[in-house]
Amino acid sequence: MERTGSPRLNPLFRMQWEQAQQSWVLLYPEGMVKLNQSAAEILRRCDGERDVAAIVADLEQAFATGGLAGDVNAFLEIAGAQRWVVWK
């Protein structure tokens, strides 16, 4: 299901580069989520200003590829269910 609006990181989470993990992580009061590269690239663009189409376009340009809309939408559904993102 494709969402409309602009996703942003939930204020309950903080995303940062974790040198010890050699990856981006989401920190929250109860723990930490280690992100894979794809998840981190999507979440780094969830600023509440860009809609999903703009996020997809930016990723496709940054990685010189196409057809990412389905994967980005699927990830954002999971991220929303996990409360990592909220929608503006």
Protein backbone atom coordinates (compact mmCIF):
# COMPACT_ATOMS: atom_id res chain seq x y z
CA MET A 1 0.00 0.00 0.00
CA GLU A 2 1.47 3.33 -1.05
CA ARG A 3 1.27 6.09 1.56
CA THR A 4 0.86 9.74 0.81
CA GLY A 5 2.53 12.54 2.68
CA SER A 6 6.06 13.01 3.91
CA PRO A 7 7.62 10.52 6.31
CA ARG A 8 9.98 11.67 9.01
CA LEU A 9 11.91 9.89 11.71
CA ASN A 10 9.82 9.43 14.84
CA PRO A 11 11.15 11.81 17.53
CA LEU A 12 11.37 8.82 19.91
CA PHE A 13 14.24 7.50 17.79
CA ARG A 14 17.65 8.94 17.00
CA MET A 15 19.62 7.79 13.98
CA GLN A 16 23.40 7.89 14.13
CA TRP A 17 26.51 6.26 12.72
CA GLU A 18 27.82 3.72 15.21
CA GLN A 19 31.55 3.23 14.71
CA ALA A 20 31.64 0.05 16.81
CA GLN A 21 28.89 -1.50 14.64
CA GLN A 22 30.25 0.01 11.39
CA SER A 23 26.66 0.87 10.49
CA TRP A 24 23.81 3.29 11.01
CA VAL A 25 21.62 2.54 14.01
CA LEU A 26 18.35 3.75 15.44
CA LEU A 27 18.60 4.47 19.14
CA TYR A 28 15.59 4.53 21.44
CA PRO A 29 15.14 4.32 25.23
CA GLU A 30 14.77 0.53 25.25
CA GLY A 31 17.62 -0.28 22.89
CA MET A 32 19.08 -0.06 19.43
CA VAL A 33 18.23 -1.25 15.92
CA LYS A 34 21.14 -1.91 13.56
CA LEU A 35 20.18 -0.83 10.03
CA ASN A 36 21.33 -2.33 6.77
CA GLN A 37 22.60 0.07 4.11
CA SER A 38 19.30 0.24 2.20
CA ALA A 39 17.26 1.00 5.32
CA ALA A 40 19.71 3.67 6.40
CA GLU A 41 19.69 5.35 2.99
CA ILE A 42 15.89 5.51 3.00
CA LEU A 43 15.59 6.71 6.61
CA ARG A 44 18.28 9.38 6.11
CA ARG A 45 15.95 10.94 3.54
CA CYS A 46 12.85 10.85 5.76
CA ASP A 47 12.99 14.49 6.84
CA GLY A 48 9.28 15.35 6.83
CA GLU A 49 9.81 17.62 3.83
CA ARG A 50 10.18 15.10 1.00
CA ASP A 51 7.31 12.87 -0.03
CA VAL A 52 7.87 9.26 -1.02
CA ALA A 53 8.19 10.11 -4.73
CA ALA A 54 10.97 12.61 -3.92
CA ILE A 55 12.76 10.07 -1.72
CA VAL A 56 12.57 7.47 -4.49
CA ALA A 57 13.83 9.95 -7.09
CA ASP A 58 16.75 10.96 -4.86
CA LEU A 59 17.72 7.34 -4.22
CA GLU A 60 17.47 6.44 -7.91
CA GLN A 61 19.69 9.39 -8.80
CA ALA A 62 22.20 8.72 -6.01
CA PHE A 63 22.59 5.06 -6.97
CA ALA A 64 22.11 5.43 -10.74
CA THR A 65 19.28 2.92 -10.87
CA GLY A 66 15.53 2.80 -11.38
CA GLY A 67 12.51 0.91 -10.19
CA LEU A 68 12.99 1.47 -6.47
CA ALA A 69 9.46 2.69 -5.69
CA GLY A 70 8.13 -0.74 -4.72
CA ASP A 71 11.03 -1.51 -2.40
CA VAL A 72 10.96 1.95 -0.79
CA ASN A 73 7.20 1.75 -0.21
CA ALA A 74 7.51 -1.76 1.25
CA PHE A 75 10.25 -0.63 3.63
CA LEU A 76 8.30 2.46 4.70
CA GLU A 77 5.31 0.26 5.53
CA ILE A 78 7.53 -1.82 7.81
CA ALA A 79 9.17 1.31 9.28
CA GLY A 80 5.72 2.75 9.98
CA ALA A 81 4.55 -0.45 11.65
CA GLN A 82 7.70 -0.39 13.81
CA ARG A 83 7.00 3.29 14.58
CA TRP A 84 10.40 4.31 13.19
CA VAL A 85 8.69 6.90 10.96
CA VAL A 86 5.64 9.08 11.33
CA TRP A 87 3.75 10.72 8.49
CA LYS A 88 3.25 14.43 8.02
